[in-house]
Amino acid sequence: MKKKARHIIVLLLAFCSGHTFISAQQRLVVDKSGKGDFTSIQEAINSLPDSAGTPRTIFIRKGRYAEKIFIKKQQLLLEGEDRAGTLIITSIARDEWRCEHPDDWGVATVNVGANDITLKNLTITNNYGFDFTPRTITCAGDSGKQKTIRKDGHQMALRTMQPATRLAAINCHFRAFGGDTVSPWETGNGMWYFKDCTMEGGVDFYCPRGWAWAENCEFISHSGPAAIWHDGSGHKDSKTVLINCRFTGFDGFQLGRYHRDAQFYLINCRFAANMKDEAIYRVPTTNTIQWGDRIYYYNCHREGVADFSWHADNLPAGLRVEAITVKWVFGERWKPAN
C-alpha cells in the first residue's frame, strides 16, 4: 500500500504541474502477492493519464488475474512476465451480455477502446465455454423472451471498439470455446497486428475488420463452421494476411468463411490433415459483395497428406510473394511495434 500511495502522490504532482506523465513512472508493476505497485491490472491502468507521447508499460507478474479489463488509455503496453504463467481470465457469454446491455463494451475479457495498444506475453481467456453448464435466461433486451445460452455461442477474449484503430499482440494466447474469440472490429480504419500468437475458439474465432496481419500464429478450432473471417467492406484495399501460420482442430474443421466483402492472403500456411476439403466460402447473404471473391494462397500445404486443389498458388497477377510485407498491408499509416 505504501508503494501505491507514493505512486498516487507522484501522479497528482505531475497532473497539478501540467505534465502528462514523468519518465520514472512509465513502468508500473502488477503483482498479485503485493510486491509490485498494484495487485490489480485494472487499478494500474486506471492510475494512468488518458494519453501520453510515448508508450507506458504495465508489467504483469505471473499469476491468475480474474479480471475483466477495460482499456481507454492511449499508448499502453500490457506485458506479462511469462505467457503460460500470466493469465487474465473471466467468463462471459455475449448472448447473455446483450440481453442487459446496449452494446459490446464489456463483452470480452479484454475490452479496448483506445489506440496504440500492445499486448505481450499474456494468456487471455474467456472461460465461458470451458466451464459451461446448460441454462436458460429471461432476455430483457429481447422483450423478456426465454433464451438458451449455448456452449458454442459468441465468447470474446479480445474486443476492440471505437475509437480503437491500432492494436498489436505479440506472443499472446487468446482462448475461448465459442465464436469471435479475437474481434478487432473497425471496418473503416482498423489496423491489427498479431505475431507469435495462439488463438482458439469456435466459429469465426479470428475475425478482423479492416487491415490485419497475423504472422507465425496457430489457430485451433474447437467448434463451428469456420476458423477465420474478414470484413473488408470499408475499403477495396482492406485485407487480412496470414503468413507462416498453422491451423488445427476437431475432425472436419473448416478453414474460413465470410459474408461481407473480404480479401484473404494465406502465405506459407500449414493445415492439419483432418481439415475439411472446403475452401474459404461465402455465406449466403443479403450484403452487397462489391469486389467479388478475393481469396489468395501461396505455398500452403496439408501436413503429411496430399494437398487440396483449392489452396494451390493463385496470387494476383503481378504480385510477388516478397512484396507481401507489413508495410504492404498498412502502408505509411502505421508501423506496429514488435
Protein backbone atom coordinates (compact mmCIF):
# COMPACT_ATOMS: atom_id res chain seq x y z
CA MET A 1 0.00 0.00 0.00
CA LYS A 2 2.91 2.40 0.69
CA LYS A 3 4.19 2.00 -2.87
CA LYS A 4 0.71 2.61 -4.24
CA ALA A 5 0.28 5.72 -2.08
CA ARG A 6 3.62 7.14 -3.22
CA HIS A 7 2.65 6.44 -6.84
CA ILE A 8 -0.66 8.29 -6.46
CA ILE A 9 1.12 11.31 -4.92
CA VAL A 10 3.56 11.44 -7.84
CA LEU A 11 0.64 11.29 -10.30
CA LEU A 12 -1.13 14.15 -8.52
CA LEU A 13 2.02 16.28 -8.52
CA ALA A 14 2.57 15.59 -12.21
CA PHE A 15 -1.03 16.46 -13.02
CA CYS A 16 -1.01 19.67 -10.97
CA SER A 17 2.25 20.85 -12.54
CA GLY A 18 0.78 20.41 -16.04
CA HIS A 19 2.86 17.40 -17.06
CA THR A 20 1.19 14.42 -18.71
CA PHE A 21 3.47 11.90 -17.02
CA ILE A 22 7.07 11.55 -15.90
CA SER A 23 9.55 9.05 -17.29
CA ALA A 24 10.31 7.49 -13.91
CA GLN A 25 6.67 6.37 -13.68
CA GLN A 26 6.28 4.94 -17.18
CA ARG A 27 6.64 1.34 -15.95
CA LEU A 28 4.23 0.01 -13.38
CA VAL A 29 4.40 -3.49 -11.91
CA VAL A 30 1.32 -5.57 -11.11
CA ASP A 31 1.90 -8.43 -8.66
CA LYS A 32 -0.88 -10.44 -7.05
CA SER A 33 1.29 -11.05 -3.99
CA GLY A 34 1.58 -7.33 -3.26
CA LYS A 35 5.23 -6.96 -4.23
CA GLY A 36 4.55 -4.52 -7.07
CA ASP A 37 2.85 -1.15 -7.50
CA PHE A 38 -0.61 -2.74 -7.79
CA THR A 39 -2.26 -6.11 -7.24
CA SER A 40 -4.89 -5.48 -9.98
CA ILE A 41 -4.28 -4.86 -13.68
CA GLN A 42 -7.30 -2.57 -13.94
CA GLU A 43 -6.14 -0.47 -10.99
CA ALA A 44 -2.78 0.03 -12.71
CA ILE A 45 -4.48 1.11 -15.93
CA ASN A 46 -6.82 3.46 -14.08
CA SER A 47 -3.87 5.18 -12.40
CA LEU A 48 -2.51 6.49 -15.70
CA PRO A 49 -3.39 9.70 -17.52
CA ASP A 50 -5.57 9.19 -20.58
CA SER A 51 -2.79 9.82 -23.12
CA ALA A 52 0.96 10.17 -23.47
CA GLY A 53 3.55 10.89 -26.14
CA THR A 54 5.31 7.56 -25.63
CA PRO A 55 4.12 4.10 -24.56
CA ARG A 56 3.56 3.38 -20.86
CA THR A 57 4.33 -0.18 -19.70
CA ILE A 58 2.33 -2.19 -17.22
CA PHE A 59 4.42 -5.24 -16.38
CA ILE A 60 2.28 -8.09 -15.05
CA ARG A 61 3.97 -10.74 -12.96
CA LYS A 62 2.93 -14.38 -13.18
CA GLY A 63 -0.42 -15.25 -11.67
CA ARG A 64 -4.08 -15.81 -12.40
CA TYR A 65 -5.89 -12.47 -12.67
CA ALA A 66 -9.66 -12.99 -12.54
CA GLU A 67 -10.44 -9.63 -14.09
CA LYS A 68 -12.37 -8.08 -16.93
CA ILE A 69 -10.09 -5.43 -18.41
CA PHE A 70 -11.17 -2.07 -19.87
CA ILE A 71 -8.56 -0.04 -21.77
CA LYS A 72 -9.38 3.56 -22.66
CA LYS A 73 -5.83 4.93 -22.20
CA GLN A 74 -3.68 5.59 -25.28
CA GLN A 75 -0.07 4.42 -25.73
CA LEU A 76 -0.13 1.43 -23.44
CA LEU A 77 1.83 -1.84 -23.31
CA LEU A 78 0.48 -4.68 -21.16
CA GLU A 79 3.40 -7.10 -20.84
CA GLY A 80 3.24 -10.38 -18.98
CA GLU A 81 6.19 -11.93 -17.22
CA ASP A 82 5.52 -15.27 -18.92
CA ARG A 83 2.82 -16.17 -21.46
CA ALA A 84 1.93 -19.51 -19.89
CA GLY A 85 2.02 -18.12 -16.37
CA THR A 86 0.41 -14.68 -16.73
CA LEU A 87 -3.31 -15.41 -17.08
CA ILE A 88 -6.22 -12.98 -17.45
CA ILE A 89 -9.47 -14.90 -17.14
CA THR A 90 -13.17 -14.18 -16.93
CA SER A 91 -16.36 -15.88 -18.13
CA ILE A 92 -18.85 -14.02 -20.36
CA ALA A 93 -21.44 -15.15 -22.88
CA ARG A 94 -22.10 -12.36 -25.36
CA ASP A 95 -25.66 -13.60 -25.93
CA GLU A 96 -26.39 -13.04 -22.25
CA TRP A 97 -24.48 -9.75 -22.01
CA ARG A 98 -26.50 -8.17 -24.82
CA CYS A 99 -29.75 -9.01 -23.02
CA GLU A 100 -28.80 -6.43 -20.38
CA HIS A 101 -26.51 -4.01 -22.24
CA PRO A 102 -26.97 -1.84 -25.36
CA ASP A 103 -23.58 -2.59 -26.91
CA ASP A 104 -20.47 -4.78 -26.68
CA TRP A 105 -18.42 -2.61 -24.31
CA GLY A 106 -17.60 -5.11 -21.59
CA VAL A 107 -18.43 -8.25 -23.57
CA ALA A 108 -14.83 -9.51 -23.63
CA THR A 109 -12.10 -10.42 -21.19
CA VAL A 110 -10.03 -7.54 -22.58
CA ASN A 111 -12.03 -4.60 -23.95
CA VAL A 112 -10.06 -1.98 -25.89
CA GLY A 113 -11.33 1.50 -26.72
CA ALA A 114 -8.03 3.31 -27.32
CA ASN A 115 -5.19 3.46 -29.83
CA ASP A 116 -1.59 2.27 -29.85
CA ILE A 117 -2.22 -0.64 -27.50
CA THR A 118 0.20 -3.57 -27.34
CA LEU A 119 -0.45 -6.88 -25.58
CA LYS A 120 2.59 -9.09 -24.99
CA ASN A 121 3.35 -12.41 -23.28
CA LEU A 122 -0.19 -12.93 -21.97
CA THR A 123 -2.82 -15.66 -21.92
CA ILE A 124 -6.27 -14.07 -22.23
CA THR A 125 -9.20 -16.42 -21.73
CA ASN A 126 -12.97 -16.15 -21.93
CA ASN A 127 -13.71 -19.26 -19.93
CA TYR A 128 -17.47 -19.43 -20.52
CA GLY A 129 -17.49 -22.38 -22.94
CA PHE A 130 -14.89 -24.33 -20.99
CA ASP A 131 -16.80 -24.23 -17.69
CA PHE A 132 -20.25 -24.29 -19.31
CA THR A 133 -23.41 -25.54 -17.66
CA PRO A 134 -26.67 -25.52 -19.68
CA ARG A 135 -29.15 -22.79 -18.71
CA THR A 136 -31.98 -20.64 -19.95
CA ILE A 137 -32.41 -16.95 -19.08
CA THR A 138 -35.05 -14.27 -19.47
CA CYS A 139 -33.69 -11.80 -22.00
CA ALA A 140 -34.77 -8.24 -21.18
CA GLY A 141 -33.21 -7.00 -24.41
CA ASP A 142 -35.47 -9.29 -26.42
CA SER A 143 -38.88 -8.44 -24.93
CA GLY A 144 -38.38 -10.75 -21.97
CA LYS A 145 -38.22 -13.89 -24.09
CA GLN A 146 -36.63 -17.06 -22.78
CA LYS A 147 -33.20 -17.59 -24.28
CA THR A 148 -30.93 -20.63 -24.13
CA ILE A 149 -27.28 -19.71 -23.68
CA ARG A 150 -25.16 -22.08 -25.73
CA LYS A 151 -21.75 -23.52 -25.04
CA ASP A 152 -20.52 -22.55 -28.52
CA GLY A 153 -22.05 -19.05 -28.73
CA HIS A 154 -20.07 -15.83 -29.07
CA GLN A 155 -17.35 -15.66 -26.40
CA MET A 156 -14.84 -12.87 -26.91
CA ALA A 157 -11.42 -12.85 -25.29
CA LEU A 158 -10.49 -9.61 -27.08
CA ARG A 159 -12.88 -6.98 -28.43
CA THR A 160 -11.96 -3.55 -29.76
CA MET A 161 -14.47 -0.74 -30.07
CA GLN A 162 -14.29 2.81 -31.39
CA PRO A 163 -12.12 4.81 -31.25
CA ALA A 164 -9.63 1.91 -31.33
CA THR A 165 -7.98 1.51 -34.74
CA ARG A 166 -4.45 0.27 -33.91
CA LEU A 167 -3.57 -2.75 -31.75
CA ALA A 168 -0.65 -5.19 -31.67
CA ALA A 169 -0.46 -8.55 -29.89
CA ILE A 170 2.85 -10.38 -29.57
CA ASN A 171 3.32 -13.87 -28.12
CA CYS A 172 -0.19 -13.96 -26.69
CA HIS A 173 -2.62 -16.84 -26.27
CA PHE A 174 -6.29 -15.97 -26.80
CA ARG A 175 -8.64 -18.71 -25.58
CA ALA A 176 -12.37 -19.37 -25.86
CA PHE A 177 -14.54 -22.31 -26.84
CA GLY A 178 -17.15 -20.36 -28.80
CA GLY A 179 -17.08 -17.81 -31.60
CA ASP A 180 -15.41 -14.42 -32.13
CA THR A 181 -12.55 -15.03 -29.68
CA VAL A 182 -10.38 -12.32 -31.26
CA SER A 183 -12.59 -9.48 -32.52
CA PRO A 184 -10.64 -6.39 -33.62
CA TRP A 185 -13.52 -4.52 -35.23
CA GLU A 186 -13.23 -1.24 -37.10
CA THR A 187 -14.08 -1.57 -40.75
CA GLY A 188 -13.10 1.91 -41.93
CA ASN A 189 -9.65 2.38 -40.37
CA GLY A 190 -8.83 -0.70 -38.29
CA MET A 191 -5.21 -1.92 -38.34
CA TRP A 192 -4.34 -5.03 -36.34
CA TYR A 193 -1.02 -6.84 -35.92
CA PHE A 194 -0.56 -10.32 -34.41
CA LYS A 195 2.77 -12.15 -34.14
CA ASP A 196 3.65 -15.48 -32.50
CA CYS A 197 0.15 -15.82 -31.06
CA THR A 198 -2.15 -18.78 -30.46
CA MET A 199 -5.88 -18.32 -30.96
CA GLU A 200 -8.58 -20.88 -30.25
CA GLY A 201 -12.35 -20.94 -30.34
CA GLY A 202 -15.45 -21.64 -32.40
CA VAL A 203 -16.99 -20.05 -35.48
CA ASP A 204 -15.06 -17.05 -36.87
CA PHE A 205 -12.80 -17.02 -33.83
CA TYR A 206 -10.29 -14.79 -35.64
CA CYS A 207 -12.43 -12.14 -37.29
CA PRO A 208 -10.64 -8.85 -38.03
CA ARG A 209 -12.30 -5.92 -39.80
CA GLY A 210 -10.16 -3.59 -41.90
CA TRP A 211 -6.45 -4.41 -42.32
CA ALA A 212 -4.85 -7.28 -40.40
CA TRP A 213 -1.51 -9.09 -40.26
CA ALA A 214 -1.01 -12.45 -38.46
CA GLU A 215 2.48 -13.99 -38.51
CA ASN A 216 3.68 -17.29 -37.01
CA CYS A 217 0.32 -17.81 -35.35
CA GLU A 218 -1.52 -21.03 -34.50
CA PHE A 219 -5.30 -21.34 -34.90
CA ILE A 220 -7.14 -24.11 -33.01
CA SER A 221 -10.79 -24.85 -33.85
CA HIS A 222 -12.99 -26.27 -31.08
CA SER A 223 -16.37 -25.92 -32.80
CA GLY A 224 -18.21 -24.14 -35.59
CA PRO A 225 -18.14 -23.98 -39.40
CA ALA A 226 -15.08 -21.73 -39.86
CA ALA A 227 -11.90 -20.61 -38.08
CA ILE A 228 -11.21 -17.27 -39.80
CA TRP A 229 -13.37 -14.45 -41.18
CA HIS A 230 -12.77 -10.98 -42.60
CA ASP A 231 -14.73 -7.80 -43.17
CA GLY A 232 -13.04 -5.60 -45.76
CA SER A 233 -16.16 -3.81 -46.89
CA GLY A 234 -14.95 -0.35 -45.84
CA HIS A 235 -12.21 -0.06 -48.48
CA LYS A 236 -11.30 -2.11 -51.53
CA ASP A 237 -7.71 -2.27 -50.25
CA SER A 238 -8.63 -3.79 -46.87
CA LYS A 239 -7.12 -7.23 -46.38
CA THR A 240 -6.21 -9.92 -43.89
CA VAL A 241 -2.80 -11.57 -44.31
CA LEU A 242 -1.87 -14.79 -42.54
CA ILE A 243 1.77 -15.76 -43.04
CA ASN A 244 3.60 -18.82 -41.68
CA CYS A 245 0.50 -19.83 -39.71
CA ARG A 246 -0.77 -23.27 -38.68
CA PHE A 247 -4.36 -24.50 -38.46
CA THR A 248 -5.54 -27.44 -36.35
CA GLY A 249 -8.83 -28.53 -34.83
CA PHE A 250 -11.54 -31.14 -34.45
CA ASP A 251 -12.04 -33.68 -37.24
CA GLY A 252 -13.54 -31.88 -40.21
CA PHE A 253 -12.87 -28.35 -39.02
CA GLN A 254 -13.23 -25.73 -41.74
CA LEU A 255 -10.76 -23.02 -42.65
CA GLY A 256 -12.84 -19.90 -43.15
CA ARG A 257 -15.87 -18.03 -44.44
CA TYR A 258 -17.20 -14.51 -44.98
CA HIS A 259 -20.44 -12.68 -45.64
CA ARG A 260 -19.11 -9.18 -46.26
CA ASP A 261 -16.50 -8.03 -48.76
CA ALA A 262 -13.27 -9.75 -47.77
CA GLN A 263 -9.72 -10.17 -49.04
CA PHE A 264 -7.67 -13.10 -47.70
CA TYR A 265 -3.97 -13.84 -48.26
CA LEU A 266 -2.62 -17.11 -46.81
CA ILE A 267 1.13 -17.43 -47.30
CA ASN A 268 3.29 -20.42 -46.27
CA CYS A 269 0.49 -21.80 -44.08
CA ARG A 270 0.13 -25.36 -42.82
CA PHE A 271 -3.16 -27.22 -42.43
CA ALA A 272 -3.73 -30.28 -40.24
CA ALA A 273 -4.53 -33.48 -42.12
CA ASN A 274 -8.05 -33.63 -40.65
CA MET A 275 -9.17 -30.26 -42.06
CA LYS A 276 -12.28 -30.48 -44.25
CA ASP A 277 -11.92 -30.32 -48.01
CA GLU A 278 -13.69 -26.99 -48.32
CA ALA A 279 -12.26 -23.65 -49.40
CA ILE A 280 -12.94 -20.38 -47.61
CA TYR A 281 -16.53 -19.79 -48.65
CA ARG A 282 -19.11 -17.04 -48.93
CA VAL A 283 -22.07 -17.41 -46.60
CA PRO A 284 -25.46 -16.73 -48.26
CA THR A 285 -26.08 -13.07 -47.52
CA THR A 286 -28.15 -10.04 -48.41
CA ASN A 287 -24.98 -7.91 -48.19
CA THR A 288 -23.72 -6.50 -51.47
CA ILE A 289 -20.34 -8.02 -52.34
CA GLN A 290 -18.73 -5.20 -54.31
CA TRP A 291 -15.37 -6.70 -55.26
CA GLY A 292 -16.02 -10.41 -55.79
CA ASP A 293 -14.17 -13.40 -54.37
CA ARG A 294 -10.64 -12.41 -53.32
CA ILE A 295 -9.02 -15.41 -51.66
CA TYR A 296 -5.36 -15.99 -52.37
CA TYR A 297 -2.87 -18.70 -51.39
CA TYR A 298 0.86 -19.23 -51.77
CA ASN A 299 2.85 -22.28 -50.68
CA CYS A 300 0.15 -23.63 -48.38
CA HIS A 301 0.14 -27.36 -47.63
CA ARG A 302 -1.56 -30.02 -45.55
CA GLU A 303 0.64 -31.82 -43.05
CA GLY A 304 1.63 -35.35 -44.07
CA VAL A 305 -1.09 -35.85 -46.68
CA ALA A 306 -1.97 -34.67 -50.18
CA ASP A 307 -2.97 -31.06 -50.67
CA PHE A 308 -6.44 -29.97 -51.71
CA SER A 309 -6.62 -28.32 -55.12
CA TRP A 310 -8.33 -25.16 -53.86
CA HIS A 311 -5.31 -23.87 -51.92
CA ALA A 312 -2.92 -24.03 -54.88
CA ASP A 313 -0.84 -20.90 -55.56
CA ASN A 314 -3.02 -18.17 -57.06
CA LEU A 315 -1.63 -14.77 -56.13
CA PRO A 316 -2.98 -11.89 -58.23
CA ALA A 317 -1.11 -11.29 -61.46
CA GLY A 318 1.94 -9.11 -60.90
CA LEU A 319 2.07 -9.58 -57.11
CA ARG A 320 5.29 -11.24 -55.94
CA VAL A 321 5.22 -13.02 -52.59
CA GLU A 322 8.26 -10.98 -51.47
CA ALA A 323 6.14 -7.85 -51.73
CA ILE A 324 3.66 -9.08 -49.12
CA THR A 325 5.02 -7.34 -46.04
CA VAL A 326 3.70 -5.48 -43.01
CA LYS A 327 4.30 -2.22 -44.86
CA TRP A 328 2.35 -3.53 -47.87
CA VAL A 329 -0.62 -4.09 -45.58
CA PHE A 330 -0.54 -0.89 -43.52
CA GLY A 331 1.38 1.46 -45.80
CA GLU A 332 2.71 4.61 -44.18
CA ARG A 333 -0.23 4.85 -41.77
CA TRP A 334 1.22 2.64 -39.04
CA LYS A 335 4.40 0.81 -38.14
CA PRO A 336 3.47 -1.63 -35.37
CA ALA A 337 5.89 -2.38 -32.55
CA ASN A 338 7.21 -5.93 -32.41
